[in-house]
Amino acid sequence: MLKDVAPVFARDAVEEHFRSKADTYLNVGHVLAGAKRAALAQAEILMAQARLMDESEWRSDPQPICDEHGLRILSCDDCCSLIHHQAGHMRDDERHSWAMAHVYQAKESW
């Protein structure tokens, strides 16, 4: 039943079980469920790391400044949210053009 479970996740599941339910008998179902949680946690960590690496590619220097708040765009949560909600469905270049027209200060003032 455990042949498809990676040993590292099985070990994590057993350790988690004995930390949280030391008085409960360990069975295969506990290991399967715990291994699934460990695998999902690992996948979330890897996805978060991938997002951080991708973010470095789209940062520009100098960053645009939002017209409403006078902040660098990556520091302005309100304007980032506005761009996402209004133009999130657009391709990157279309989204940037929309933001230049509706959110950013004139480029000369950056």
N, C-alpha and C. Protein backbone atom coordinates (compact mmCIF):
# COMPACT_ATOMS: atom_id res chain seq x y z
N MET A 1 0.81 -1.21 0.00
CA MET A 1 0.00 0.00 0.00
C MET A 1 0.85 1.27 0.00
N LEU A 2 2.09 1.16 0.45
CA LEU A 2 2.96 2.34 0.54
C LEU A 2 3.98 2.42 -0.59
N LYS A 3 3.84 1.55 -1.60
CA LYS A 3 4.88 1.50 -2.63
C LYS A 3 5.00 2.81 -3.42
N ASP A 4 3.94 3.61 -3.52
CA ASP A 4 3.99 4.86 -4.27
C ASP A 4 4.30 6.07 -3.39
N VAL A 5 4.56 5.83 -2.11
CA VAL A 5 4.85 6.92 -1.18
C VAL A 5 6.37 7.10 -1.08
N ALA A 6 6.82 8.32 -1.31
CA ALA A 6 8.26 8.60 -1.21
C ALA A 6 8.70 8.38 0.24
N PRO A 7 9.81 7.70 0.46
CA PRO A 7 10.27 7.42 1.82
C PRO A 7 10.40 8.66 2.70
N VAL A 8 10.84 9.77 2.13
CA VAL A 8 11.00 10.99 2.92
C VAL A 8 9.65 11.47 3.45
N PHE A 9 8.60 11.36 2.64
CA PHE A 9 7.27 11.78 3.08
C PHE A 9 6.67 10.79 4.07
N ALA A 10 6.97 9.51 3.88
CA ALA A 10 6.50 8.50 4.84
C ALA A 10 7.14 8.75 6.20
N ARG A 11 8.43 9.03 6.21
CA ARG A 11 9.11 9.32 7.46
C ARG A 11 8.53 10.56 8.14
N ASP A 12 8.29 11.60 7.34
CA ASP A 12 7.68 12.82 7.89
C ASP A 12 6.31 12.51 8.49
N ALA A 13 5.54 11.65 7.82
CA ALA A 13 4.21 11.30 8.31
C ALA A 13 4.29 10.56 9.64
N VAL A 14 5.23 9.63 9.75
CA VAL A 14 5.38 8.88 11.00
C VAL A 14 5.81 9.81 12.13
N GLU A 15 6.74 10.71 11.86
CA GLU A 15 7.19 11.66 12.88
C GLU A 15 6.06 12.58 13.31
N GLU A 16 5.29 13.06 12.33
CA GLU A 16 4.14 13.92 12.65
C GLU A 16 3.13 13.17 13.51
N HIS A 17 2.86 11.92 13.15
CA HIS A 17 1.89 11.14 13.91
C HIS A 17 2.31 11.01 15.37
N PHE A 18 3.55 10.66 15.61
CA PHE A 18 3.99 10.46 16.99
C PHE A 18 4.13 11.77 17.76
N ARG A 19 4.33 12.90 17.06
CA ARG A 19 4.34 14.19 17.73
C ARG A 19 2.94 14.60 18.16
N SER A 20 1.96 14.36 17.29
CA SER A 20 0.61 14.86 17.56
C SER A 20 -0.33 13.84 18.19
N LYS A 21 -0.09 12.53 17.96
CA LYS A 21 -1.00 11.49 18.47
C LYS A 21 -0.19 10.32 19.01
N ALA A 22 0.67 10.59 19.95
CA ALA A 22 1.57 9.55 20.46
C ALA A 22 0.82 8.38 21.09
N ASP A 23 -0.37 8.60 21.58
CA ASP A 23 -1.12 7.54 22.23
C ASP A 23 -2.03 6.76 21.28
N THR A 24 -2.03 7.11 19.98
CA THR A 24 -2.85 6.43 18.98
C THR A 24 -1.98 5.48 18.17
N TYR A 25 -2.48 4.26 17.98
CA TYR A 25 -1.76 3.25 17.21
C TYR A 25 -1.57 3.74 15.77
N LEU A 26 -0.35 3.65 15.26
CA LEU A 26 -0.04 4.07 13.90
C LEU A 26 -0.47 3.00 12.91
N ASN A 27 -1.23 3.40 11.89
CA ASN A 27 -1.59 2.44 10.84
C ASN A 27 -1.27 3.03 9.47
N VAL A 28 -1.48 2.23 8.45
CA VAL A 28 -1.12 2.63 7.08
C VAL A 28 -1.87 3.89 6.66
N GLY A 29 -3.13 4.01 7.05
CA GLY A 29 -3.91 5.19 6.69
C GLY A 29 -3.31 6.47 7.24
N HIS A 30 -2.78 6.39 8.47
CA HIS A 30 -2.12 7.56 9.04
C HIS A 30 -0.90 7.96 8.20
N VAL A 31 -0.14 6.96 7.79
CA VAL A 31 1.06 7.24 6.99
C VAL A 31 0.68 7.82 5.63
N LEU A 32 -0.32 7.24 4.98
CA LEU A 32 -0.75 7.75 3.68
C LEU A 32 -1.24 9.20 3.77
N ALA A 33 -2.08 9.49 4.76
CA ALA A 33 -2.60 10.84 4.91
C ALA A 33 -1.49 11.83 5.27
N GLY A 34 -0.61 11.44 6.17
CA GLY A 34 0.49 12.30 6.56
C GLY A 34 1.47 12.54 5.42
N ALA A 35 1.73 11.51 4.64
CA ALA A 35 2.64 11.64 3.50
C ALA A 35 2.05 12.58 2.45
N LYS A 36 0.74 12.50 2.26
CA LYS A 36 0.08 13.40 1.31
C LYS A 36 0.21 14.85 1.79
N ARG A 37 0.00 15.09 3.08
CA ARG A 37 0.17 16.45 3.62
C ARG A 37 1.61 16.93 3.46
N ALA A 38 2.57 16.05 3.72
CA ALA A 38 3.98 16.44 3.60
C ALA A 38 4.34 16.76 2.15
N ALA A 39 3.82 15.96 1.22
CA ALA A 39 4.09 16.21 -0.20
C ALA A 39 3.48 17.53 -0.65
N LEU A 40 2.25 17.83 -0.19
CA LEU A 40 1.61 19.09 -0.54
C LEU A 40 2.37 20.28 0.04
N ALA A 41 2.84 20.13 1.28
CA ALA A 41 3.61 21.21 1.91
C ALA A 41 4.90 21.47 1.13
N GLN A 42 5.57 20.40 0.71
CA GLN A 42 6.79 20.55 -0.08
C GLN A 42 6.50 21.23 -1.42
N ALA A 43 5.39 20.85 -2.06
CA ALA A 43 5.02 21.47 -3.33
C ALA A 43 4.73 22.96 -3.16
N GLU A 44 4.09 23.33 -2.06
CA GLU A 44 3.81 24.75 -1.80
C GLU A 44 5.11 25.53 -1.62
N ILE A 45 6.06 24.95 -0.92
CA ILE A 45 7.35 25.61 -0.72
C ILE A 45 8.05 25.81 -2.06
N LEU A 46 8.05 24.79 -2.90
CA LEU A 46 8.71 24.89 -4.20
C LEU A 46 8.03 25.92 -5.09
N MET A 47 6.70 25.98 -5.04
CA MET A 47 5.98 26.98 -5.83
C MET A 47 6.28 28.38 -5.35
N ALA A 48 6.36 28.58 -4.03
CA ALA A 48 6.68 29.89 -3.49
C ALA A 48 8.09 30.32 -3.91
N GLN A 49 9.03 29.39 -3.88
CA GLN A 49 10.38 29.71 -4.30
C GLN A 49 10.42 30.06 -5.79
N ALA A 50 9.65 29.34 -6.60
CA ALA A 50 9.60 29.62 -8.03
C ALA A 50 9.02 31.00 -8.29
N ARG A 51 7.99 31.39 -7.53
CA ARG A 51 7.41 32.73 -7.70
C ARG A 51 8.42 33.81 -7.37
N LEU A 52 9.23 33.59 -6.34
CA LEU A 52 10.25 34.58 -5.99
C LEU A 52 11.28 34.72 -7.09
N MET A 53 11.67 33.60 -7.69
CA MET A 53 12.65 33.66 -8.78
C MET A 53 12.06 34.36 -9.99
N ASP A 54 10.80 34.08 -10.32
CA ASP A 54 10.17 34.71 -11.48
C ASP A 54 10.02 36.21 -11.26
N GLU A 55 9.74 36.62 -10.03
CA GLU A 55 9.54 38.04 -9.73
C GLU A 55 10.78 38.86 -10.07
N SER A 56 11.94 38.30 -9.87
CA SER A 56 13.17 39.04 -10.12
C SER A 56 13.31 39.40 -11.59
N GLU A 57 12.67 38.63 -12.47
CA GLU A 57 12.77 38.89 -13.90
C GLU A 57 11.89 40.05 -14.35
N TRP A 58 10.82 40.37 -13.61
CA TRP A 58 9.93 41.42 -14.09
C TRP A 58 10.12 42.75 -13.36
N ARG A 59 11.00 42.81 -12.42
CA ARG A 59 11.27 44.10 -11.77
C ARG A 59 12.08 44.98 -12.71
N SER A 60 11.73 46.23 -12.74
CA SER A 60 12.48 47.14 -13.59
C SER A 60 13.16 48.18 -12.72
N ASP A 61 14.15 48.78 -13.26
CA ASP A 61 14.83 49.83 -12.53
C ASP A 61 15.03 50.99 -13.50
N PRO A 62 14.50 52.12 -13.29
CA PRO A 62 13.72 52.47 -12.11
C PRO A 62 12.30 51.93 -12.22
N GLN A 63 11.70 51.70 -11.08
CA GLN A 63 10.32 51.24 -11.06
C GLN A 63 9.39 52.41 -11.37
N PRO A 64 8.28 52.14 -12.04
CA PRO A 64 7.29 53.19 -12.22
C PRO A 64 6.77 53.66 -10.86
N ILE A 65 6.28 54.88 -10.82
CA ILE A 65 5.73 55.45 -9.60
C ILE A 65 4.23 55.64 -9.82
N CYS A 66 3.45 55.22 -8.83
CA CYS A 66 1.99 55.36 -8.98
C CYS A 66 1.62 56.84 -8.84
N ASP A 67 0.69 57.25 -9.65
CA ASP A 67 0.28 58.65 -9.69
C ASP A 67 -0.49 59.04 -8.43
N GLU A 68 -1.34 58.16 -7.93
CA GLU A 68 -2.20 58.50 -6.81
C GLU A 68 -1.45 58.63 -5.49
N HIS A 69 -0.47 57.73 -5.23
CA HIS A 69 0.19 57.71 -3.92
C HIS A 69 1.64 58.18 -3.95
N GLY A 70 2.24 58.27 -5.14
CA GLY A 70 3.62 58.70 -5.25
C GLY A 70 4.62 57.66 -4.78
N LEU A 71 4.22 56.38 -4.79
CA LEU A 71 5.11 55.29 -4.34
C LEU A 71 5.61 54.50 -5.53
N ARG A 72 6.77 53.87 -5.34
CA ARG A 72 7.23 52.92 -6.36
C ARG A 72 6.18 51.83 -6.47
N ILE A 73 5.89 51.42 -7.68
CA ILE A 73 4.72 50.57 -7.92
C ILE A 73 4.76 49.26 -7.13
N LEU A 74 5.92 48.66 -6.95
CA LEU A 74 5.98 47.39 -6.21
C LEU A 74 5.81 47.59 -4.71
N SER A 75 5.81 48.83 -4.25
CA SER A 75 5.57 49.13 -2.84
C SER A 75 4.14 49.56 -2.57
N CYS A 76 3.37 49.76 -3.61
CA CYS A 76 2.00 50.27 -3.46
C CYS A 76 1.00 49.13 -3.66
N ASP A 77 0.57 48.55 -2.56
CA ASP A 77 -0.37 47.43 -2.64
C ASP A 77 -1.69 47.83 -3.29
N ASP A 78 -2.17 49.04 -3.01
CA ASP A 78 -3.44 49.48 -3.59
C ASP A 78 -3.36 49.52 -5.11
N CYS A 79 -2.31 50.09 -5.64
CA CYS A 79 -2.19 50.20 -7.10
C CYS A 79 -1.88 48.86 -7.75
N CYS A 80 -1.09 48.02 -7.08
CA CYS A 80 -0.85 46.67 -7.61
C CYS A 80 -2.17 45.90 -7.68
N SER A 81 -2.99 46.05 -6.66
CA SER A 81 -4.30 45.39 -6.64
C SER A 81 -5.19 45.93 -7.76
N LEU A 82 -5.17 47.24 -7.96
CA LEU A 82 -5.96 47.84 -9.03
C LEU A 82 -5.54 47.29 -10.39
N ILE A 83 -4.24 47.23 -10.63
CA ILE A 83 -3.73 46.71 -11.90
C ILE A 83 -4.18 45.26 -12.07
N HIS A 84 -4.05 44.48 -11.01
CA HIS A 84 -4.44 43.07 -11.09
C HIS A 84 -5.92 42.92 -11.42
N HIS A 85 -6.77 43.68 -10.73
CA HIS A 85 -8.22 43.54 -10.92
C HIS A 85 -8.70 44.11 -12.26
N GLN A 86 -8.10 45.19 -12.70
CA GLN A 86 -8.55 45.83 -13.93
C GLN A 86 -7.88 45.27 -15.19
N ALA A 87 -6.64 44.83 -15.05
CA ALA A 87 -5.89 44.42 -16.24
C ALA A 87 -5.23 43.07 -16.10
N GLY A 88 -5.55 42.33 -15.06
CA GLY A 88 -4.91 41.03 -14.82
C GLY A 88 -5.13 40.02 -15.92
N HIS A 89 -6.21 40.15 -16.65
CA HIS A 89 -6.53 39.21 -17.73
C HIS A 89 -5.76 39.52 -19.03
N MET A 90 -5.11 40.66 -19.08
CA MET A 90 -4.40 41.09 -20.30
C MET A 90 -3.03 40.44 -20.39
N ARG A 91 -2.48 40.44 -21.61
CA ARG A 91 -1.10 40.00 -21.78
C ARG A 91 -0.19 41.02 -21.12
N ASP A 92 1.06 40.63 -20.84
CA ASP A 92 1.99 41.50 -20.11
C ASP A 92 2.13 42.88 -20.73
N ASP A 93 2.35 42.94 -22.04
CA ASP A 93 2.56 44.24 -22.67
C ASP A 93 1.29 45.09 -22.66
N GLU A 94 0.12 44.44 -22.81
CA GLU A 94 -1.15 45.19 -22.74
C GLU A 94 -1.38 45.71 -21.32
N ARG A 95 -1.09 44.87 -20.32
CA ARG A 95 -1.25 45.27 -18.92
C ARG A 95 -0.36 46.46 -18.60
N HIS A 96 0.88 46.41 -19.07
CA HIS A 96 1.81 47.51 -18.83
C HIS A 96 1.30 48.80 -19.49
N SER A 97 0.82 48.70 -20.72
CA SER A 97 0.28 49.87 -21.41
C SER A 97 -0.92 50.44 -20.66
N TRP A 98 -1.79 49.55 -20.17
CA TRP A 98 -2.95 50.00 -19.40
C TRP A 98 -2.49 50.73 -18.13
N ALA A 99 -1.53 50.15 -17.44
CA ALA A 99 -1.02 50.75 -16.20
C ALA A 99 -0.36 52.09 -16.48
N MET A 100 0.35 52.19 -17.60
CA MET A 100 0.98 53.47 -17.95
C MET A 100 -0.08 54.54 -18.16
N ALA A 101 -1.20 54.16 -18.73
CA ALA A 101 -2.26 55.13 -19.02
C ALA A 101 -3.11 55.46 -17.78
N HIS A 102 -3.25 54.50 -16.85
CA HIS A 102 -4.21 54.67 -15.76
C HIS A 102 -3.62 54.74 -14.36
N VAL A 103 -2.38 54.30 -14.17
CA VAL A 103 -1.85 54.18 -12.80
C VAL A 103 -0.53 54.93 -12.62
N TYR A 104 0.39 54.79 -13.54
CA TYR A 104 1.73 55.33 -13.37
C TYR A 104 1.78 56.83 -13.62
N GLN A 105 2.74 57.49 -12.94
CA GLN A 105 3.05 58.89 -13.27
C GLN A 105 3.74 58.90 -14.64
N ALA A 106 3.81 60.06 -15.23
CA ALA A 106 4.52 60.19 -16.50
C ALA A 106 5.97 59.72 -16.32
N LYS A 107 6.49 59.01 -17.27
CA LYS A 107 7.81 58.38 -17.15
C LYS A 107 8.91 59.40 -16.85
N GLU A 108 8.78 60.61 -17.30
CA GLU A 108 9.79 61.62 -17.08
C GLU A 108 9.98 61.92 -15.60
N SER A 109 8.97 61.64 -14.77
CA SER A 109 9.06 61.97 -13.34
C SER A 109 9.58 60.82 -12.49
N TRP A 110 9.91 59.69 -13.09
CA TRP A 110 10.45 58.57 -12.32
C TRP A 110 11.84 58.92 -11.90
